[in-house]
Amino acid sequence: MPAPQIVTERLYIELAAPGHAAAHAGFFARNREHLARWDPPRGEVESAGYWARALAASQRDFDAGRSVALVALSREEPANLLVARVNFTQIARGAFHSCMLGFAIDRDHEGRGLMREALAASIDWVFGALNLHRVQASHRPENMRSERLLARLGFEREGLARQYLFIDGAWRDHVINAKLNPRFDPSALASR
């Protein structure tokens, strides 16, 4: 499958690649404190070398149909500035046809609707190009920004997963949300 190249009003969204390694390192250096409350602990995320290896692995995962890691780059600012990350992981086929969604936005770009723009376009691509039936996203109960964003995108709350992820020094509960593909083609189930 060809790599996604999505253009929205304000963003270029494309497959994350080793060429984005320096942009990822800069993103995580700028957003260390901003993301600490919401993200699991990570290793050398401020190293371009780390990201060159990690993004090469994510490209292999894309080629194998296991995940899609996307970068959202501003159409108005320097092309190397990473505005947001969108990841569709744990892609499962068969009777499930589902994936998990993760996302993060640069602290200086919050509140402008850019994350909503990136997610709406990316989810539309995943539903169309990959014909997934369901996208699941979770957030910590106190993360009201993510809760409101997911609701505006049409995600429905399904429940609470207790001690779901180890984040910010402890096991944290997460609200589970899902969005279903209104255009899902069930004939794909028979061909798998």
C-alpha atoms as a PDB file:
ATOM      1  CA  MET A   1       0.000   0.000   0.000  1.00  0.00           C
ATOM      2  CA  PRO A   2       1.330   3.465  -0.810  1.00  0.00           C
ATOM      3  CA  ALA A   3       2.266   5.651   2.143  1.00  0.00           C
ATOM      4  CA  PRO A   4      -0.356   8.204   3.108  1.00  0.00           C
ATOM      5  CA  GLN A   5       0.116  11.792   2.005  1.00  0.00           C
ATOM      6  CA  ILE A   6      -2.730  13.859   3.396  1.00  0.00           C
ATOM      7  CA  VAL A   7      -3.098  17.592   2.932  1.00  0.00           C
ATOM      8  CA  THR A   8      -5.511  19.570   5.081  1.00  0.00           C
ATOM      9  CA  GLU A   9      -6.124  23.285   5.283  1.00  0.00           C
ATOM     10  CA  ARG A  10      -3.123  23.859   7.574  1.00  0.00           C
ATOM     11  CA  LEU A  11      -1.181  20.582   7.686  1.00  0.00           C
ATOM     12  CA  TYR A  12       0.809  18.073   5.681  1.00  0.00           C
ATOM     13  CA  ILE A  13       0.314  14.610   7.157  1.00  0.00           C
ATOM     14  CA  GLU A  14       2.640  11.861   6.043  1.00  0.00           C
ATOM     15  CA  LEU A  15       4.139   8.580   7.126  1.00  0.00           C
ATOM     16  CA  ALA A  16       6.784   9.047   9.807  1.00  0.00           C
ATOM     17  CA  ALA A  17      10.169   8.128   8.343  1.00  0.00           C
ATOM     18  CA  PRO A  18      13.821   8.170   9.443  1.00  0.00           C
ATOM     19  CA  GLY A  19      14.112  11.568   7.721  1.00  0.00           C
ATOM     20  CA  HIS A  20      11.884  12.935  10.508  1.00  0.00           C
ATOM     21  CA  ALA A  21      14.303  11.822  13.242  1.00  0.00           C
ATOM     22  CA  ALA A  22      15.628  15.295  14.096  1.00  0.00           C
ATOM     23  CA  ALA A  23      12.086  16.716  14.084  1.00  0.00           C
ATOM     24  CA  HIS A  24      10.991  14.005  16.558  1.00  0.00           C
ATOM     25  CA  ALA A  25      13.957  14.662  18.835  1.00  0.00           C
ATOM     26  CA  GLY A  26      13.130  18.385  18.808  1.00  0.00           C
ATOM     27  CA  PHE A  27       9.428  17.694  19.429  1.00  0.00           C
ATOM     28  CA  PHE A  28      10.160  15.617  22.528  1.00  0.00           C
ATOM     29  CA  ALA A  29      12.799  18.048  23.831  1.00  0.00           C
ATOM     30  CA  ARG A  30      10.349  20.965  23.526  1.00  0.00           C
ATOM     31  CA  ASN A  31       7.496  18.994  25.056  1.00  0.00           C
ATOM     32  CA  ARG A  32       9.180  17.023  27.843  1.00  0.00           C
ATOM     33  CA  GLU A  33       7.094  18.572  30.644  1.00  0.00           C
ATOM     34  CA  HIS A  34       3.986  19.039  28.507  1.00  0.00           C
ATOM     35  CA  LEU A  35       3.731  15.302  27.722  1.00  0.00           C
ATOM     36  CA  ALA A  36       5.016  13.847  31.029  1.00  0.00           C
ATOM     37  CA  ARG A  37       1.531  13.618  32.601  1.00  0.00           C
ATOM     38  CA  TRP A  38       0.040  11.822  29.606  1.00  0.00           C
ATOM     39  CA  ASP A  39       2.714   9.593  28.058  1.00  0.00           C
ATOM     40  CA  PRO A  40       4.378   6.400  29.293  1.00  0.00           C
ATOM     41  CA  PRO A  41       8.059   6.746  30.211  1.00  0.00           C
ATOM     42  CA  ARG A  42      10.336   6.646  27.182  1.00  0.00           C
ATOM     43  CA  GLY A  43      14.039   6.168  26.652  1.00  0.00           C
ATOM     44  CA  GLU A  44      16.214   8.419  24.539  1.00  0.00           C
ATOM     45  CA  VAL A  45      13.383  10.383  22.908  1.00  0.00           C
ATOM     46  CA  GLU A  46      15.458  13.533  22.599  1.00  0.00           C
ATOM     47  CA  SER A  47      18.074  11.761  20.452  1.00  0.00           C
ATOM     48  CA  ALA A  48      17.880  11.873  16.657  1.00  0.00           C
ATOM     49  CA  GLY A  49      19.774   8.567  16.551  1.00  0.00           C
ATOM     50  CA  TYR A  50      17.099   6.909  18.664  1.00  0.00           C
ATOM     51  CA  TRP A  51      14.377   8.232  16.349  1.00  0.00           C
ATOM     52  CA  ALA A  52      16.199   7.171  13.183  1.00  0.00           C
ATOM     53  CA  ARG A  53      16.125   3.587  14.497  1.00  0.00           C
ATOM     54  CA  ALA A  54      12.580   3.810  15.871  1.00  0.00           C
ATOM     55  CA  LEU A  55      11.178   5.348  12.678  1.00  0.00           C
ATOM     56  CA  ALA A  56      12.896   2.726  10.502  1.00  0.00           C
ATOM     57  CA  ALA A  57      11.162   0.084  12.655  1.00  0.00           C
ATOM     58  CA  SER A  58       7.828   1.910  12.327  1.00  0.00           C
ATOM     59  CA  GLN A  59       8.230   1.901   8.544  1.00  0.00           C
ATOM     60  CA  ARG A  60       8.715  -1.877   8.652  1.00  0.00           C
ATOM     61  CA  ASP A  61       5.572  -2.140  10.804  1.00  0.00           C
ATOM     62  CA  PHE A  62       3.675  -0.088   8.215  1.00  0.00           C
ATOM     63  CA  ASP A  63       4.915  -2.317   5.397  1.00  0.00           C
ATOM     64  CA  ALA A  64       3.772  -5.377   7.385  1.00  0.00           C
ATOM     65  CA  GLY A  65       0.346  -3.837   8.073  1.00  0.00           C
ATOM     66  CA  ARG A  66       0.846  -3.666  11.856  1.00  0.00           C
ATOM     67  CA  SER A  67       0.768   0.086  12.429  1.00  0.00           C
ATOM     68  CA  VAL A  68       0.705   3.532  10.838  1.00  0.00           C
ATOM     69  CA  ALA A  69       2.834   6.288  12.402  1.00  0.00           C
ATOM     70  CA  LEU A  70       2.074   9.722  10.997  1.00  0.00           C
ATOM     71  CA  VAL A  71       3.598  13.158  11.391  1.00  0.00           C
ATOM     72  CA  ALA A  72       1.661  16.386  11.012  1.00  0.00           C
ATOM     73  CA  LEU A  73       3.802  19.216   9.669  1.00  0.00           C
ATOM     74  CA  SER A  74       2.628  22.793   9.412  1.00  0.00           C
ATOM     75  CA  ARG A  75       1.981  24.233   5.961  1.00  0.00           C
ATOM     76  CA  GLU A  76       2.663  27.703   7.413  1.00  0.00           C
ATOM     77  CA  GLU A  77       5.888  27.110   9.338  1.00  0.00           C
ATOM     78  CA  PRO A  78       9.218  25.477   8.485  1.00  0.00           C
ATOM     79  CA  ALA A  79       8.666  22.004   7.009  1.00  0.00           C
ATOM     80  CA  ASN A  80      10.925  20.390   9.624  1.00  0.00           C
ATOM     81  CA  LEU A  81       8.719  21.534  12.526  1.00  0.00           C
ATOM     82  CA  LEU A  82       6.723  18.607  13.867  1.00  0.00           C
ATOM     83  CA  VAL A  83       3.353  19.943  15.034  1.00  0.00           C
ATOM     84  CA  ALA A  84       1.712  16.649  16.015  1.00  0.00           C
ATOM     85  CA  ARG A  85       2.083  12.873  15.987  1.00  0.00           C
ATOM     86  CA  VAL A  86      -0.730  10.416  15.175  1.00  0.00           C
ATOM     87  CA  ASN A  87      -0.202   6.682  15.651  1.00  0.00           C
ATOM     88  CA  PHE A  88      -2.505   3.817  14.742  1.00  0.00           C
ATOM     89  CA  THR A  89      -1.048   0.735  16.419  1.00  0.00           C
ATOM     90  CA  GLN A  90      -2.024  -2.855  17.139  1.00  0.00           C
ATOM     91  CA  ILE A  91      -3.814  -3.132  13.814  1.00  0.00           C
ATOM     92  CA  ALA A  92      -5.788  -6.372  13.887  1.00  0.00           C
ATOM     93  CA  ARG A  93      -7.693  -7.941  11.042  1.00  0.00           C
ATOM     94  CA  GLY A  94     -10.038 -10.912  10.932  1.00  0.00           C
ATOM     95  CA  ALA A  95     -13.200 -10.534  12.969  1.00  0.00           C
ATOM     96  CA  PHE A  96     -11.701  -7.534  14.800  1.00  0.00           C
ATOM     97  CA  HIS A  97     -10.590  -5.082  12.031  1.00  0.00           C
ATOM     98  CA  SER A  98      -9.516  -2.561  14.657  1.00  0.00           C
ATOM     99  CA  CYS A  99      -6.603  -0.491  15.941  1.00  0.00           C
ATOM    100  CA  MET A 100      -5.481   1.707  18.803  1.00  0.00           C
ATOM    101  CA  LEU A 101      -5.014   5.456  18.368  1.00  0.00           C
ATOM    102  CA  GLY A 102      -2.371   7.559  20.074  1.00  0.00           C
ATOM    103  CA  PHE A 103      -1.723  11.241  19.493  1.00  0.00           C
ATOM    104  CA  ALA A 104       0.251  14.204  20.801  1.00  0.00           C
ATOM    105  CA  ILE A 105       0.511  17.857  19.857  1.00  0.00           C
ATOM    106  CA  ASP A 106       3.295  20.367  20.416  1.00  0.00           C
ATOM    107  CA  ARG A 107       2.467  22.577  23.408  1.00  0.00           C
ATOM    108  CA  ASP A 108       2.872  25.747  21.315  1.00  0.00           C
ATOM    109  CA  HIS A 109       0.208  24.536  18.860  1.00  0.00           C
ATOM    110  CA  GLU A 110      -2.487  23.552  21.358  1.00  0.00           C
ATOM    111  CA  GLY A 111      -5.825  25.317  21.265  1.00  0.00           C
ATOM    112  CA  ARG A 112      -5.837  26.070  17.518  1.00  0.00           C
ATOM    113  CA  GLY A 113      -7.811  23.047  16.314  1.00  0.00           C
ATOM    114  CA  LEU A 114      -4.733  21.503  14.663  1.00  0.00           C
ATOM    115  CA  MET A 115      -4.960  18.207  16.546  1.00  0.00           C
ATOM    116  CA  ARG A 116      -8.614  17.880  15.568  1.00  0.00           C
ATOM    117  CA  GLU A 117      -7.718  18.654  11.947  1.00  0.00           C
ATOM    118  CA  ALA A 118      -4.918  16.065  11.953  1.00  0.00           C
ATOM    119  CA  LEU A 119      -7.006  13.373  13.633  1.00  0.00           C
ATOM    120  CA  ALA A 120     -10.114  13.881  11.493  1.00  0.00           C
ATOM    121  CA  ALA A 121      -8.087  13.546   8.279  1.00  0.00           C
ATOM    122  CA  SER A 122      -5.975  10.646   9.572  1.00  0.00           C
ATOM    123  CA  ILE A 123      -8.948   8.655  10.855  1.00  0.00           C
ATOM    124  CA  ASP A 124     -10.762   9.221   7.576  1.00  0.00           C
ATOM    125  CA  TRP A 125      -7.689   7.856   5.748  1.00  0.00           C
ATOM    126  CA  VAL A 126      -7.456   4.805   8.033  1.00  0.00           C
ATOM    127  CA  PHE A 127     -11.161   4.047   7.624  1.00  0.00           C
ATOM    128  CA  GLY A 128     -10.941   4.410   3.841  1.00  0.00           C
ATOM    129  CA  ALA A 129      -7.519   3.066   2.885  1.00  0.00           C
ATOM    130  CA  LEU A 130      -7.294   0.318   5.523  1.00  0.00           C
ATOM    131  CA  ASN A 131     -11.041  -0.359   5.845  1.00  0.00           C
ATOM    132  CA  LEU A 132     -10.796  -0.716   9.615  1.00  0.00           C
ATOM    133  CA  HIS A 133     -14.081  -1.116  11.466  1.00  0.00           C
ATOM    134  CA  ARG A 134     -13.050   0.463  14.756  1.00  0.00           C
ATOM    135  CA  VAL A 135     -10.497   2.892  16.163  1.00  0.00           C
ATOM    136  CA  GLN A 136     -10.030   2.855  19.932  1.00  0.00           C
ATOM    137  CA  ALA A 137      -8.477   5.700  21.926  1.00  0.00           C
ATOM    138  CA  SER A 138      -7.890   6.061  25.638  1.00  0.00           C
ATOM    139  CA  HIS A 139      -7.135   9.010  27.874  1.00  0.00           C
ATOM    140  CA  ARG A 140      -6.627   9.663  31.560  1.00  0.00           C
ATOM    141  CA  PRO A 141      -9.901  10.751  33.225  1.00  0.00           C
ATOM    142  CA  GLU A 142      -8.451  14.145  34.160  1.00  0.00           C
ATOM    143  CA  ASN A 143      -7.349  14.884  30.583  1.00  0.00           C
ATOM    144  CA  MET A 144     -10.408  16.927  29.663  1.00  0.00           C
ATOM    145  CA  ARG A 145      -8.830  18.303  26.473  1.00  0.00           C
ATOM    146  CA  SER A 146      -8.494  14.813  25.022  1.00  0.00           C
ATOM    147  CA  GLU A 147     -11.957  13.868  26.245  1.00  0.00           C
ATOM    148  CA  ARG A 148     -13.554  16.855  24.493  1.00  0.00           C
ATOM    149  CA  LEU A 149     -11.471  16.349  21.347  1.00  0.00           C
ATOM    150  CA  LEU A 150     -12.424  12.695  21.003  1.00  0.00           C
ATOM    151  CA  ALA A 151     -16.106  13.496  21.588  1.00  0.00           C
ATOM    152  CA  ARG A 152     -16.003  16.189  18.861  1.00  0.00           C
ATOM    153  CA  LEU A 153     -14.485  13.602  16.511  1.00  0.00           C
ATOM    154  CA  GLY A 154     -17.386  11.210  17.131  1.00  0.00           C
ATOM    155  CA  PHE A 155     -15.756   8.828  19.602  1.00  0.00           C
ATOM    156  CA  GLU A 156     -18.059   7.303  22.190  1.00  0.00           C
ATOM    157  CA  ARG A 157     -17.041   6.517  25.741  1.00  0.00           C
ATOM    158  CA  GLU A 158     -17.125   2.775  26.417  1.00  0.00           C
ATOM    159  CA  GLY A 159     -15.797   2.472  29.939  1.00  0.00           C
ATOM    160  CA  LEU A 160     -12.910   2.795  32.335  1.00  0.00           C
ATOM    161  CA  ALA A 161      -9.804   0.602  32.284  1.00  0.00           C
ATOM    162  CA  ARG A 162      -8.367   0.524  35.790  1.00  0.00           C
ATOM    163  CA  GLN A 163      -4.579   0.842  36.172  1.00  0.00           C
ATOM    164  CA  TYR A 164      -4.296   0.686  32.386  1.00  0.00           C
ATOM    165  CA  LEU A 165      -0.889   2.284  31.735  1.00  0.00           C
ATOM    166  CA  PHE A 166       2.171   3.159  33.806  1.00  0.00           C
ATOM    167  CA  ILE A 167       2.472   6.936  33.407  1.00  0.00           C
ATOM    168  CA  ASP A 168       3.994   9.693  35.511  1.00  0.00           C
ATOM    169  CA  GLY A 169       5.286   7.251  38.140  1.00  0.00           C
ATOM    170  CA  ALA A 170       2.153   5.144  38.749  1.00  0.00           C
ATOM    171  CA  TRP A 171      -0.435   2.872  37.156  1.00  0.00           C
ATOM    172  CA  ARG A 172      -3.147   5.175  35.808  1.00  0.00           C
ATOM    173  CA  ASP A 173      -6.800   4.585  34.976  1.00  0.00           C
ATOM    174  CA  HIS A 174      -7.876   5.408  31.410  1.00  0.00           C
ATOM    175  CA  VAL A 175     -11.196   6.127  29.795  1.00  0.00           C
ATOM    176  CA  ILE A 176     -11.747   3.878  26.767  1.00  0.00           C
ATOM    177  CA  ASN A 177     -13.376   5.473  23.707  1.00  0.00           C
ATOM    178  CA  ALA A 178     -14.090   4.128  20.235  1.00  0.00           C
ATOM    179  CA  LYS A 179     -15.193   5.351  16.844  1.00  0.00           C
ATOM    180  CA  LEU A 180     -16.758   2.998  14.300  1.00  0.00           C
ATOM    181  CA  ASN A 181     -16.307   3.248  10.548  1.00  0.00           C
ATOM    182  CA  PRO A 182     -19.655   4.120   8.943  1.00  0.00           C
ATOM    183  CA  ARG A 183     -18.267   3.035   5.545  1.00  0.00           C
ATOM    184  CA  PHE A 184     -16.795  -0.307   6.614  1.00  0.00           C
ATOM    185  CA  ASP A 185     -16.914  -2.881   3.807  1.00  0.00           C
ATOM    186  CA  PRO A 186     -17.710  -6.264   5.388  1.00  0.00           C
ATOM    187  CA  SER A 187     -16.661  -8.134   2.241  1.00  0.00           C
ATOM    188  CA  ALA A 188     -13.094  -7.639   3.527  1.00  0.00           C
ATOM    189  CA  LEU A 189     -13.853 -10.161   6.279  1.00  0.00           C
ATOM    190  CA  ALA A 190     -14.384 -12.929   3.740  1.00  0.00           C
ATOM    191  CA  SER A 191     -11.143 -12.174   1.894  1.00  0.00           C
ATOM    192  CA  ARG A 192      -8.854 -12.389   4.931  1.00  0.00           C
END
